Amino acid sequence: MLMDTGASATWVMATSCESPACLVHNTFGPTDSKTYNATSGTFNIAYGTGQVSGTVASDTVSFAGFTLSLTFGVANSTSSDFLNFPFDGIMGLAGDPGSYPTVLQAISTAKVLKSNVFGVNLDRDSDGLHNGEINFGAPDTSKYSGNLSYTALSSSDGDWVIAADGVGVNGKSAVTTGRSAYIDTGTSYIFIPPDDASALHGLIPGSQLSTDGKTWYVPCTTTSAVQFTFSGVSYGVPSEDWVGGKSGSSLCTSNIFPGTPVGDNWLLGDTFLKNVYTVFDSDQKRIGQCIIPLVYNSC
């Protein structure tokens, strides 16, 4: 399952699903568990990419060394977008309850953790380490060096969103006005408002905006580092993460895209998260971050 801090709903593909994506994934249904409990509820979710719908069930679920009763969607229809994804469902780790209780609510109710927090460390595939991890209950201090810097959540509806101080390139500020950033493990790239994207790429020599205004291109040879700042601490994203694949003889796609589904806010996905160890703290309504020492020396 995809661990998604940008969504609250949890669902798996149903054994009864005949959508093409379901036929190539693992599925789950009433014959797979003696404690499966179907309900009368239904769900329908549209993501930035992909849509699913189905019924709601509950069952006893075990992961991360603990067991709890969990309510989740059982998708009997999925869009073909999910043919391209390796996961068989999504575990929503945002706090907004939606139409049924969230995983975080179930964990809190079951009192299975001393602290209702979880830490995320994403590995970079090119490093060859394959040591990405999500851990529940406490940060994994072996994944970072120094102290975590915390920022209070700027939303009361359960979203993992925090106030941002600004963004810049190689130490030069591009945007210093107030913005909020959604920290989203379920998003691959970085999305920021078009004006912010223009200001940022304007600091990178040779940058070009596509004719449709949806993509920025940068010289493939650029080594510029992008920095996002929260609570006075800047976190660098090196070019190996924000510079994408080739789009010509000398230009590459920027993984920082103009436009977001969350208004004037930023959406910071895995392009950003590969460079920080991030703690999502439900108890104290905050997010803690620290630069991963494999990228830089310390926090």
C-alpha atoms as a PDB file:
ATOM      1  CA  MET A   1       0.000   0.000   0.000  1.00  0.00           C
ATOM      2  CA  LEU A   2       1.103   3.536  -0.701  1.00  0.00           C
ATOM      3  CA  MET A   3       1.686   5.462   2.544  1.00  0.00           C
ATOM      4  CA  ASP A   4      -0.018   8.772   1.702  1.00  0.00           C
ATOM      5  CA  THR A   5       0.170  11.799   4.009  1.00  0.00           C
ATOM      6  CA  GLY A   6      -1.806  13.789   1.445  1.00  0.00           C
ATOM      7  CA  ALA A   7      -4.978  11.719   1.825  1.00  0.00           C
ATOM      8  CA  SER A   8      -7.089  10.437   4.702  1.00  0.00           C
ATOM      9  CA  ALA A   9      -8.929   7.551   3.011  1.00  0.00           C
ATOM     10  CA  THR A  10      -7.574   4.011   3.133  1.00  0.00           C
ATOM     11  CA  TRP A  11      -8.579   1.445   0.532  1.00  0.00           C
ATOM     12  CA  VAL A  12      -7.531  -1.753  -1.207  1.00  0.00           C
ATOM     13  CA  MET A  13      -8.545  -3.303  -4.510  1.00  0.00           C
ATOM     14  CA  ALA A  14     -11.458  -5.758  -4.225  1.00  0.00           C
ATOM     15  CA  THR A  15     -11.506  -9.353  -5.390  1.00  0.00           C
ATOM     16  CA  SER A  16     -14.766  -8.490  -7.186  1.00  0.00           C
ATOM     17  CA  CYS A  17     -13.131  -5.661  -9.129  1.00  0.00           C
ATOM     18  CA  GLU A  18     -12.887  -6.275 -12.873  1.00  0.00           C
ATOM     19  CA  SER A  19     -11.163  -3.028 -13.821  1.00  0.00           C
ATOM     20  CA  PRO A  20      -7.956  -3.657 -15.783  1.00  0.00           C
ATOM     21  CA  ALA A  21      -5.810  -2.297 -12.933  1.00  0.00           C
ATOM     22  CA  CYS A  22      -7.365  -4.695 -10.408  1.00  0.00           C
ATOM     23  CA  LEU A  23      -6.627  -7.672 -12.642  1.00  0.00           C
ATOM     24  CA  VAL A  24      -2.870  -7.062 -12.397  1.00  0.00           C
ATOM     25  CA  HIS A  25      -2.748  -6.308  -8.658  1.00  0.00           C
ATOM     26  CA  ASN A  26      -3.271  -8.165  -5.418  1.00  0.00           C
ATOM     27  CA  THR A  27      -6.876  -7.903  -4.233  1.00  0.00           C
ATOM     28  CA  PHE A  28      -8.808  -8.447  -1.009  1.00  0.00           C
ATOM     29  CA  GLY A  29     -12.343  -9.530  -0.148  1.00  0.00           C
ATOM     30  CA  PRO A  30     -14.623 -11.425   2.272  1.00  0.00           C
ATOM     31  CA  THR A  31     -13.193 -14.850   1.391  1.00  0.00           C
ATOM     32  CA  ASP A  32      -9.695 -13.703   2.396  1.00  0.00           C
ATOM     33  CA  SER A  33     -10.478 -13.088   6.063  1.00  0.00           C
ATOM     34  CA  LYS A  34     -12.755 -14.712   8.639  1.00  0.00           C
ATOM     35  CA  THR A  35     -13.081 -11.350  10.425  1.00  0.00           C
ATOM     36  CA  TYR A  36     -14.025  -9.334   7.318  1.00  0.00           C
ATOM     37  CA  ASN A  37     -17.095  -7.203   8.028  1.00  0.00           C
ATOM     38  CA  ALA A  38     -18.923  -5.564   5.129  1.00  0.00           C
ATOM     39  CA  THR A  39     -20.822  -2.355   5.860  1.00  0.00           C
ATOM     40  CA  SER A  40     -23.483  -0.404   3.982  1.00  0.00           C
ATOM     41  CA  GLY A  41     -21.084   2.460   3.290  1.00  0.00           C
ATOM     42  CA  THR A  42     -19.680   3.474  -0.080  1.00  0.00           C
ATOM     43  CA  PHE A  43     -16.786   5.669  -1.183  1.00  0.00           C
ATOM     44  CA  ASN A  44     -15.675   7.524  -4.293  1.00  0.00           C
ATOM     45  CA  ILE A  45     -12.328   9.312  -4.484  1.00  0.00           C
ATOM     46  CA  ALA A  46     -10.731  11.340  -7.265  1.00  0.00           C
ATOM     47  CA  TYR A  47      -7.001  12.002  -6.922  1.00  0.00           C
ATOM     48  CA  GLY A  48      -4.814  14.292  -8.975  1.00  0.00           C
ATOM     49  CA  THR A  49      -4.164  11.145 -10.990  1.00  0.00           C
ATOM     50  CA  GLY A  50      -6.707   8.346 -10.836  1.00  0.00           C
ATOM     51  CA  GLN A  51     -10.136   7.612  -9.393  1.00  0.00           C
ATOM     52  CA  VAL A  52     -11.523   4.735  -7.305  1.00  0.00           C
ATOM     53  CA  SER A  53     -14.922   3.783  -5.903  1.00  0.00           C
ATOM     54  CA  GLY A  54     -16.467   0.911  -4.030  1.00  0.00           C
ATOM     55  CA  THR A  55     -17.858  -0.217  -0.688  1.00  0.00           C
ATOM     56  CA  VAL A  56     -16.638   0.115   2.891  1.00  0.00           C
ATOM     57  CA  ALA A  57     -15.579  -2.742   5.166  1.00  0.00           C
ATOM     58  CA  SER A  58     -13.809  -3.249   8.473  1.00  0.00           C
ATOM     59  CA  ASP A  59     -11.371  -5.880   9.647  1.00  0.00           C
ATOM     60  CA  THR A  60      -8.502  -6.533  12.016  1.00  0.00           C
ATOM     61  CA  VAL A  61      -5.317  -5.231  10.439  1.00  0.00           C
ATOM     62  CA  SER A  62      -1.691  -5.730  11.474  1.00  0.00           C
ATOM     63  CA  PHE A  63       1.338  -3.681  10.446  1.00  0.00           C
ATOM     64  CA  ALA A  64       4.408  -2.108  12.073  1.00  0.00           C
ATOM     65  CA  GLY A  65       4.219  -4.626  14.915  1.00  0.00           C
ATOM     66  CA  PHE A  66       0.722  -3.798  16.178  1.00  0.00           C
ATOM     67  CA  THR A  67      -2.866  -4.843  15.459  1.00  0.00           C
ATOM     68  CA  LEU A  68      -6.007  -2.717  15.354  1.00  0.00           C
ATOM     69  CA  SER A  69      -9.542  -2.633  14.026  1.00  0.00           C
ATOM     70  CA  LEU A  70      -9.619  -0.607  10.832  1.00  0.00           C
ATOM     71  CA  THR A  71     -12.341   0.683   8.514  1.00  0.00           C
ATOM     72  CA  PHE A  72     -11.315   0.952   4.852  1.00  0.00           C
ATOM     73  CA  GLY A  73     -12.621   1.109   1.330  1.00  0.00           C
ATOM     74  CA  VAL A  74     -12.777  -1.946  -0.915  1.00  0.00           C
ATOM     75  CA  ALA A  75     -12.504  -0.652  -4.477  1.00  0.00           C
ATOM     76  CA  ASN A  76     -14.569  -2.493  -7.084  1.00  0.00           C
ATOM     77  CA  SER A  77     -13.769   0.126  -9.728  1.00  0.00           C
ATOM     78  CA  THR A  78     -10.451   1.798 -10.454  1.00  0.00           C
ATOM     79  CA  SER A  79      -9.329   4.006 -13.312  1.00  0.00           C
ATOM     80  CA  SER A  80      -6.651   2.752 -15.667  1.00  0.00           C
ATOM     81  CA  ASP A  81      -4.145   5.147 -14.087  1.00  0.00           C
ATOM     82  CA  PHE A  82      -3.519   2.488 -11.451  1.00  0.00           C
ATOM     83  CA  LEU A  83      -2.136   0.150 -14.106  1.00  0.00           C
ATOM     84  CA  ASN A  84       1.033   2.229 -13.870  1.00  0.00           C
ATOM     85  CA  PHE A  85       1.365   2.077 -10.079  1.00  0.00           C
ATOM     86  CA  PRO A  86       2.908  -0.850  -8.176  1.00  0.00           C
ATOM     87  CA  PHE A  87       0.713  -0.573  -5.073  1.00  0.00           C
ATOM     88  CA  ASP A  88      -2.534  -2.455  -4.418  1.00  0.00           C
ATOM     89  CA  GLY A  89      -4.167   0.325  -2.403  1.00  0.00           C
ATOM     90  CA  ILE A  90      -3.542   3.461  -0.372  1.00  0.00           C
ATOM     91  CA  MET A  91      -3.131   3.912   3.370  1.00  0.00           C
ATOM     92  CA  GLY A  92      -4.282   7.450   4.074  1.00  0.00           C
ATOM     93  CA  LEU A  93      -2.217   9.059   6.823  1.00  0.00           C
ATOM     94  CA  ALA A  94      -3.850  12.495   6.883  1.00  0.00           C
ATOM     95  CA  GLY A  95      -6.223  13.288   9.719  1.00  0.00           C
ATOM     96  CA  ASP A  96      -9.456  14.461   8.055  1.00  0.00           C
ATOM     97  CA  PRO A  97     -11.967  11.674   8.861  1.00  0.00           C
ATOM     98  CA  GLY A  98     -14.019  11.926   5.672  1.00  0.00           C
ATOM     99  CA  SER A  99     -16.751   9.294   5.417  1.00  0.00           C
ATOM    100  CA  TYR A 100     -15.093   6.790   7.759  1.00  0.00           C
ATOM    101  CA  PRO A 101     -12.442   6.911  10.525  1.00  0.00           C
ATOM    102  CA  THR A 102      -8.829   7.291   9.463  1.00  0.00           C
ATOM    103  CA  VAL A 103      -5.845   5.092  10.215  1.00  0.00           C
ATOM    104  CA  LEU A 104      -4.499   7.737  12.601  1.00  0.00           C
ATOM    105  CA  GLN A 105      -7.809   7.828  14.473  1.00  0.00           C
ATOM    106  CA  ALA A 106      -7.806   4.033  14.726  1.00  0.00           C
ATOM    107  CA  ILE A 107      -4.240   4.045  16.068  1.00  0.00           C
ATOM    108  CA  SER A 108      -5.105   6.704  18.646  1.00  0.00           C
ATOM    109  CA  THR A 109      -8.275   4.895  19.747  1.00  0.00           C
ATOM    110  CA  ALA A 110      -6.443   1.585  20.118  1.00  0.00           C
ATOM    111  CA  LYS A 111      -3.686   3.250  22.212  1.00  0.00           C
ATOM    112  CA  VAL A 112      -1.057   1.026  20.598  1.00  0.00           C
ATOM    113  CA  LEU A 113       1.656   3.704  20.590  1.00  0.00           C
ATOM    114  CA  LYS A 114       3.280   5.682  23.379  1.00  0.00           C
ATOM    115  CA  SER A 115       3.242   8.705  21.062  1.00  0.00           C
ATOM    116  CA  ASN A 116       1.040   9.124  18.008  1.00  0.00           C
ATOM    117  CA  VAL A 117       3.830  10.039  15.619  1.00  0.00           C
ATOM    118  CA  PHE A 118       5.414   8.454  12.578  1.00  0.00           C
ATOM    119  CA  GLY A 119       8.679   9.122  10.795  1.00  0.00           C
ATOM    120  CA  VAL A 120       9.387   8.859   7.069  1.00  0.00           C
ATOM    121  CA  ASN A 121      12.735   8.304   5.377  1.00  0.00           C
ATOM    122  CA  LEU A 122      12.619   7.931   1.576  1.00  0.00           C
ATOM    123  CA  ASP A 123      15.626   6.497  -0.202  1.00  0.00           C
ATOM    124  CA  ARG A 124      16.949   7.746  -3.522  1.00  0.00           C
ATOM    125  CA  ASP A 125      16.886   4.895  -6.037  1.00  0.00           C
ATOM    126  CA  SER A 126      20.150   5.973  -7.651  1.00  0.00           C
ATOM    127  CA  ASP A 127      21.943   5.572  -4.313  1.00  0.00           C
ATOM    128  CA  GLY A 128      21.219   1.848  -4.432  1.00  0.00           C
ATOM    129  CA  LEU A 129      20.552   1.650  -0.681  1.00  0.00           C
ATOM    130  CA  HIS A 130      16.837   0.780  -0.752  1.00  0.00           C
ATOM    131  CA  ASN A 131      16.524   1.647   2.932  1.00  0.00           C
ATOM    132  CA  GLY A 132      13.364   3.754   2.836  1.00  0.00           C
ATOM    133  CA  GLU A 133      11.308   3.396   5.984  1.00  0.00           C
ATOM    134  CA  ILE A 134       8.168   4.495   7.768  1.00  0.00           C
ATOM    135  CA  ASN A 135       8.188   3.907  11.507  1.00  0.00           C
ATOM    136  CA  PHE A 136       5.418   4.460  14.029  1.00  0.00           C
ATOM    137  CA  GLY A 137       5.657   5.666  17.631  1.00  0.00           C
ATOM    138  CA  ALA A 138       8.981   7.523  17.615  1.00  0.00           C
ATOM    139  CA  PRO A 139      11.561   8.923  15.190  1.00  0.00           C
ATOM    140  CA  ASP A 140      14.320   6.583  14.028  1.00  0.00           C
ATOM    141  CA  THR A 141      17.361   8.533  15.192  1.00  0.00           C
ATOM    142  CA  SER A 142      19.686   6.337  13.122  1.00  0.00           C
ATOM    143  CA  LYS A 143      18.297   7.996   9.983  1.00  0.00           C
ATOM    144  CA  TYR A 144      19.458  11.538  10.755  1.00  0.00           C
ATOM    145  CA  SER A 145      22.065  13.502  12.685  1.00  0.00           C
ATOM    146  CA  GLY A 146      21.331  16.480  14.950  1.00  0.00           C
ATOM    147  CA  ASN A 147      18.013  17.841  16.166  1.00  0.00           C
ATOM    148  CA  LEU A 148      14.674  17.873  14.414  1.00  0.00           C
ATOM    149  CA  SER A 149      13.272  21.331  13.671  1.00  0.00           C
ATOM    150  CA  TYR A 150       9.508  21.468  14.241  1.00  0.00           C
ATOM    151  CA  THR A 151       6.866  23.640  12.607  1.00  0.00           C
ATOM    152  CA  ALA A 152       3.276  23.789  13.859  1.00  0.00           C
ATOM    153  CA  LEU A 153       0.509  22.708  11.519  1.00  0.00           C
ATOM    154  CA  SER A 154      -1.260  25.653   9.921  1.00  0.00           C
ATOM    155  CA  SER A 155      -4.490  23.719   9.378  1.00  0.00           C
ATOM    156  CA  SER A 156      -6.980  22.363  11.895  1.00  0.00           C
ATOM    157  CA  ASP A 157      -8.650  19.896   9.530  1.00  0.00           C
ATOM    158  CA  GLY A 158      -6.036  17.169   9.773  1.00  0.00           C
ATOM    159  CA  ASP A 159      -3.939  18.083   6.737  1.00  0.00           C
ATOM    160  CA  TRP A 160      -0.166  17.900   7.055  1.00  0.00           C
ATOM    161  CA  VAL A 161       0.434  21.509   6.037  1.00  0.00           C
ATOM    162  CA  ILE A 162       2.883  23.983   7.577  1.00  0.00           C
ATOM    163  CA  ALA A 163       3.813  27.632   7.067  1.00  0.00           C
ATOM    164  CA  ALA A 164       6.826  28.178   4.805  1.00  0.00           C
ATOM    165  CA  ASP A 165       9.332  31.010   5.081  1.00  0.00           C
ATOM    166  CA  GLY A 166      10.388  30.932   1.451  1.00  0.00           C
ATOM    167  CA  VAL A 167      12.184  29.161  -1.379  1.00  0.00           C
ATOM    168  CA  GLY A 168      15.434  30.008  -3.122  1.00  0.00           C
ATOM    169  CA  VAL A 169      18.237  28.796  -5.350  1.00  0.00           C
ATOM    170  CA  ASN A 170      21.884  28.594  -4.261  1.00  0.00           C
ATOM    171  CA  GLY A 171      21.134  30.793  -1.274  1.00  0.00           C
ATOM    172  CA  LYS A 172      19.278  33.503  -3.250  1.00  0.00           C
ATOM    173  CA  SER A 173      15.640  34.000  -2.297  1.00  0.00           C
ATOM    174  CA  ALA A 174      13.013  33.574  -4.979  1.00  0.00           C
ATOM    175  CA  VAL A 175       9.872  33.798  -2.840  1.00  0.00           C
ATOM    176  CA  THR A 176       9.779  35.295   0.655  1.00  0.00           C
ATOM    177  CA  THR A 177       6.070  36.002   1.007  1.00  0.00           C
ATOM    178  CA  GLY A 178       3.962  33.775   3.212  1.00  0.00           C
ATOM    179  CA  ARG A 179       3.124  30.374   1.796  1.00  0.00           C
ATOM    180  CA  SER A 180       1.963  27.110   3.285  1.00  0.00           C
ATOM    181  CA  ALA A 181       3.315  23.755   2.171  1.00  0.00           C
ATOM    182  CA  TYR A 182       1.583  20.395   2.140  1.00  0.00           C
ATOM    183  CA  ILE A 183       4.111  17.673   2.970  1.00  0.00           C
ATOM    184  CA  ASP A 184       2.846  14.819   0.831  1.00  0.00           C
ATOM    185  CA  THR A 185       4.402  11.363   0.602  1.00  0.00           C
ATOM    186  CA  GLY A 186       1.805  10.461  -2.028  1.00  0.00           C
ATOM    187  CA  THR A 187       3.039  13.029  -4.561  1.00  0.00           C
ATOM    188  CA  SER A 188       6.128  12.340  -6.657  1.00  0.00           C
ATOM    189  CA  TYR A 189       7.173  15.895  -7.521  1.00  0.00           C
ATOM    190  CA  ILE A 190       6.991  19.482  -6.267  1.00  0.00           C
ATOM    191  CA  PHE A 191       4.143  21.791  -7.307  1.00  0.00           C
ATOM    192  CA  ILE A 192       4.134  25.529  -6.600  1.00  0.00           C
ATOM    193  CA  PRO A 193       2.017  28.430  -7.950  1.00  0.00           C
ATOM    194  CA  PRO A 194       3.035  29.639 -11.430  1.00  0.00           C
ATOM    195  CA  ASP A 195       4.383  32.996 -10.183  1.00  0.00           C
ATOM    196  CA  ASP A 196       6.522  31.234  -7.587  1.00  0.00           C
ATOM    197  CA  ALA A 197       7.772  28.779 -10.205  1.00  0.00           C
ATOM    198  CA  SER A 198       8.715  31.670 -12.496  1.00  0.00           C
ATOM    199  CA  ALA A 199      10.609  33.442  -9.715  1.00  0.00           C
ATOM    200  CA  LEU A 200      12.459  30.271  -8.775  1.00  0.00           C
ATOM    201  CA  HIS A 201      13.417  29.206 -12.306  1.00  0.00           C
ATOM    202  CA  GLY A 202      14.396  32.795 -13.047  1.00  0.00           C
ATOM    203  CA  LEU A 203      17.364  32.198 -10.738  1.00  0.00           C
ATOM    204  CA  ILE A 204      18.517  29.233 -12.829  1.00  0.00           C
ATOM    205  CA  PRO A 205      20.367  30.339 -15.996  1.00  0.00           C
ATOM    206  CA  GLY A 206      18.996  28.846 -19.207  1.00  0.00           C
ATOM    207  CA  SER A 207      15.546  27.965 -17.821  1.00  0.00           C
ATOM    208  CA  GLN A 208      12.634  27.943 -20.279  1.00  0.00           C
ATOM    209  CA  LEU A 209       8.878  27.636 -19.786  1.00  0.00           C
ATOM    210  CA  SER A 210       6.969  25.328 -22.143  1.00  0.00           C
ATOM    211  CA  THR A 211       4.558  26.936 -24.594  1.00  0.00           C
ATOM    212  CA  ASP A 212       1.570  25.531 -22.679  1.00  0.00           C
ATOM    213  CA  GLY A 213       2.913  26.946 -19.401  1.00  0.00           C
ATOM    214  CA  LYS A 214       2.800  23.572 -17.648  1.00  0.00           C
ATOM    215  CA  THR A 215       6.496  22.641 -17.489  1.00  0.00           C
ATOM    216  CA  TRP A 216       9.821  24.338 -16.946  1.00  0.00           C
ATOM    217  CA  TYR A 217      12.958  23.124 -18.714  1.00  0.00           C
ATOM    218  CA  VAL A 218      16.470  23.671 -17.403  1.00  0.00           C
ATOM    219  CA  PRO A 219      19.964  22.878 -18.671  1.00  0.00           C
ATOM    220  CA  CYS A 220      20.696  19.242 -17.918  1.00  0.00           C
ATOM    221  CA  THR A 221      24.129  20.292 -16.670  1.00  0.00           C
ATOM    222  CA  THR A 222      22.835  22.626 -13.956  1.00  0.00           C
ATOM    223  CA  THR A 223      24.068  21.908 -10.447  1.00  0.00           C
ATOM    224  CA  SER A 224      21.883  24.528  -8.757  1.00  0.00           C
ATOM    225  CA  ALA A 225      20.424  23.502  -5.405  1.00  0.00           C
ATOM    226  CA  VAL A 226      16.925  24.594  -4.419  1.00  0.00           C
ATOM    227  CA  GLN A 227      16.243  25.431  -0.765  1.00  0.00           C
ATOM    228  CA  PHE A 228      12.902  25.413   1.032  1.00  0.00           C
ATOM    229  CA  THR A 229      12.816  27.151   4.411  1.00  0.00           C
ATOM    230  CA  PHE A 230      10.608  26.347   7.405  1.00  0.00           C
ATOM    231  CA  SER A 231      10.858  27.889  10.882  1.00  0.00           C
ATOM    232  CA  GLY A 232      14.133  29.551   9.901  1.00  0.00           C
ATOM    233  CA  VAL A 233      15.794  26.311   8.733  1.00  0.00           C
ATOM    234  CA  SER A 234      16.573  25.716   5.056  1.00  0.00           C
ATOM    235  CA  TYR A 235      16.449  22.280   3.459  1.00  0.00           C
ATOM    236  CA  GLY A 236      18.308  21.737   0.205  1.00  0.00           C
ATOM    237  CA  VAL A 237      17.095  19.759  -2.787  1.00  0.00           C
ATOM    238  CA  PRO A 238      20.089  18.973  -5.027  1.00  0.00           C
ATOM    239  CA  SER A 239      19.867  19.003  -8.807  1.00  0.00           C
ATOM    240  CA  GLU A 240      19.957  15.202  -8.959  1.00  0.00           C
ATOM    241  CA  ASP A 241      16.449  15.245  -7.463  1.00  0.00           C
ATOM    242  CA  TRP A 242      14.742  18.268  -8.977  1.00  0.00           C
ATOM    243  CA  VAL A 243      16.202  17.940 -12.502  1.00  0.00           C
ATOM    244  CA  GLY A 244      14.298  15.280 -14.439  1.00  0.00           C
ATOM    245  CA  GLY A 245      14.700  13.474 -17.726  1.00  0.00           C
ATOM    246  CA  LYS A 246      15.937  14.914 -21.009  1.00  0.00           C
ATOM    247  CA  SER A 247      13.551  16.922 -23.169  1.00  0.00           C
ATOM    248  CA  GLY A 248      16.008  17.812 -25.921  1.00  0.00           C
ATOM    249  CA  SER A 249      19.692  17.843 -26.701  1.00  0.00           C
ATOM    250  CA  SER A 250      20.625  20.013 -23.736  1.00  0.00           C
ATOM    251  CA  LEU A 251      17.445  20.618 -21.724  1.00  0.00           C
ATOM    252  CA  CYS A 252      15.841  18.520 -19.005  1.00  0.00           C
ATOM    253  CA  THR A 253      12.435  18.694 -17.347  1.00  0.00           C
ATOM    254  CA  SER A 254      12.259  20.448 -14.003  1.00  0.00           C
ATOM    255  CA  ASN A 255      10.555  18.354 -11.328  1.00  0.00           C
ATOM    256  CA  ILE A 256       9.245  21.603  -9.820  1.00  0.00           C
ATOM    257  CA  PHE A 257       6.002  22.235 -11.696  1.00  0.00           C
ATOM    258  CA  PRO A 258       3.903  25.410 -11.940  1.00  0.00           C
ATOM    259  CA  GLY A 259       0.371  25.126 -10.565  1.00  0.00           C
ATOM    260  CA  THR A 260      -1.006  23.235  -7.566  1.00  0.00           C
ATOM    261  CA  PRO A 261      -4.292  21.577  -6.605  1.00  0.00           C
ATOM    262  CA  VAL A 262      -4.184  23.424  -3.270  1.00  0.00           C
ATOM    263  CA  GLY A 263      -4.534  27.067  -4.285  1.00  0.00           C
ATOM    264  CA  ASP A 264      -1.557  29.314  -3.604  1.00  0.00           C
ATOM    265  CA  ASN A 265       0.055  26.701  -1.389  1.00  0.00           C
ATOM    266  CA  TRP A 266       2.988  24.469  -2.206  1.00  0.00           C
ATOM    267  CA  LEU A 267       2.769  20.704  -2.579  1.00  0.00           C
ATOM    268  CA  LEU A 268       6.087  19.126  -1.621  1.00  0.00           C
ATOM    269  CA  GLY A 269       6.288  15.492  -2.620  1.00  0.00           C
ATOM    270  CA  ASP A 270       9.024  12.895  -2.844  1.00  0.00           C
ATOM    271  CA  THR A 271      11.426  15.163  -4.771  1.00  0.00           C
ATOM    272  CA  PHE A 272      11.678  17.159  -1.533  1.00  0.00           C
ATOM    273  CA  LEU A 273      11.211  14.331   0.970  1.00  0.00           C
ATOM    274  CA  LYS A 274      14.181  12.300  -0.291  1.00  0.00           C
ATOM    275  CA  ASN A 275      16.404  14.911   1.326  1.00  0.00           C
ATOM    276  CA  VAL A 276      14.875  15.136   4.789  1.00  0.00           C
ATOM    277  CA  TYR A 277      13.872  12.854   7.611  1.00  0.00           C
ATOM    278  CA  THR A 278      10.309  13.912   8.425  1.00  0.00           C
ATOM    279  CA  VAL A 279       8.299  13.315  11.587  1.00  0.00           C
ATOM    280  CA  PHE A 280       4.517  13.691  11.489  1.00  0.00           C
ATOM    281  CA  ASP A 281       3.340  14.360  15.055  1.00  0.00           C
ATOM    282  CA  SER A 282      -0.417  13.924  15.569  1.00  0.00           C
ATOM    283  CA  ASP A 283      -0.247  14.549  19.316  1.00  0.00           C
ATOM    284  CA  GLN A 284       1.347  17.986  19.121  1.00  0.00           C
ATOM    285  CA  LYS A 285       0.021  18.923  15.664  1.00  0.00           C
ATOM    286  CA  ARG A 286       3.399  19.604  14.088  1.00  0.00           C
ATOM    287  CA  ILE A 287       5.922  18.375  11.546  1.00  0.00           C
ATOM    288  CA  GLY A 288       9.596  17.890  12.359  1.00  0.00           C
ATOM    289  CA  GLN A 289      12.356  17.772   9.760  1.00  0.00           C
ATOM    290  CA  CYS A 290      16.067  17.172   9.568  1.00  0.00           C
ATOM    291  CA  ILE A 291      18.413  16.907   6.603  1.00  0.00           C
ATOM    292  CA  ILE A 292      19.452  13.300   5.969  1.00  0.00           C
ATOM    293  CA  PRO A 293      23.230  13.082   6.597  1.00  0.00           C
ATOM    294  CA  LEU A 294      23.838  11.087   3.425  1.00  0.00           C
ATOM    295  CA  VAL A 295      22.944  14.245   1.512  1.00  0.00           C
ATOM    296  CA  TYR A 296      24.443  16.865   3.814  1.00  0.00           C
ATOM    297  CA  ASN A 297      26.531  16.539   6.940  1.00  0.00           C
ATOM    298  CA  SER A 298      23.931  17.283   9.606  1.00  0.00           C
ATOM    299  CA  CYS A 299      20.756  19.198  10.470  1.00  0.00           C
END
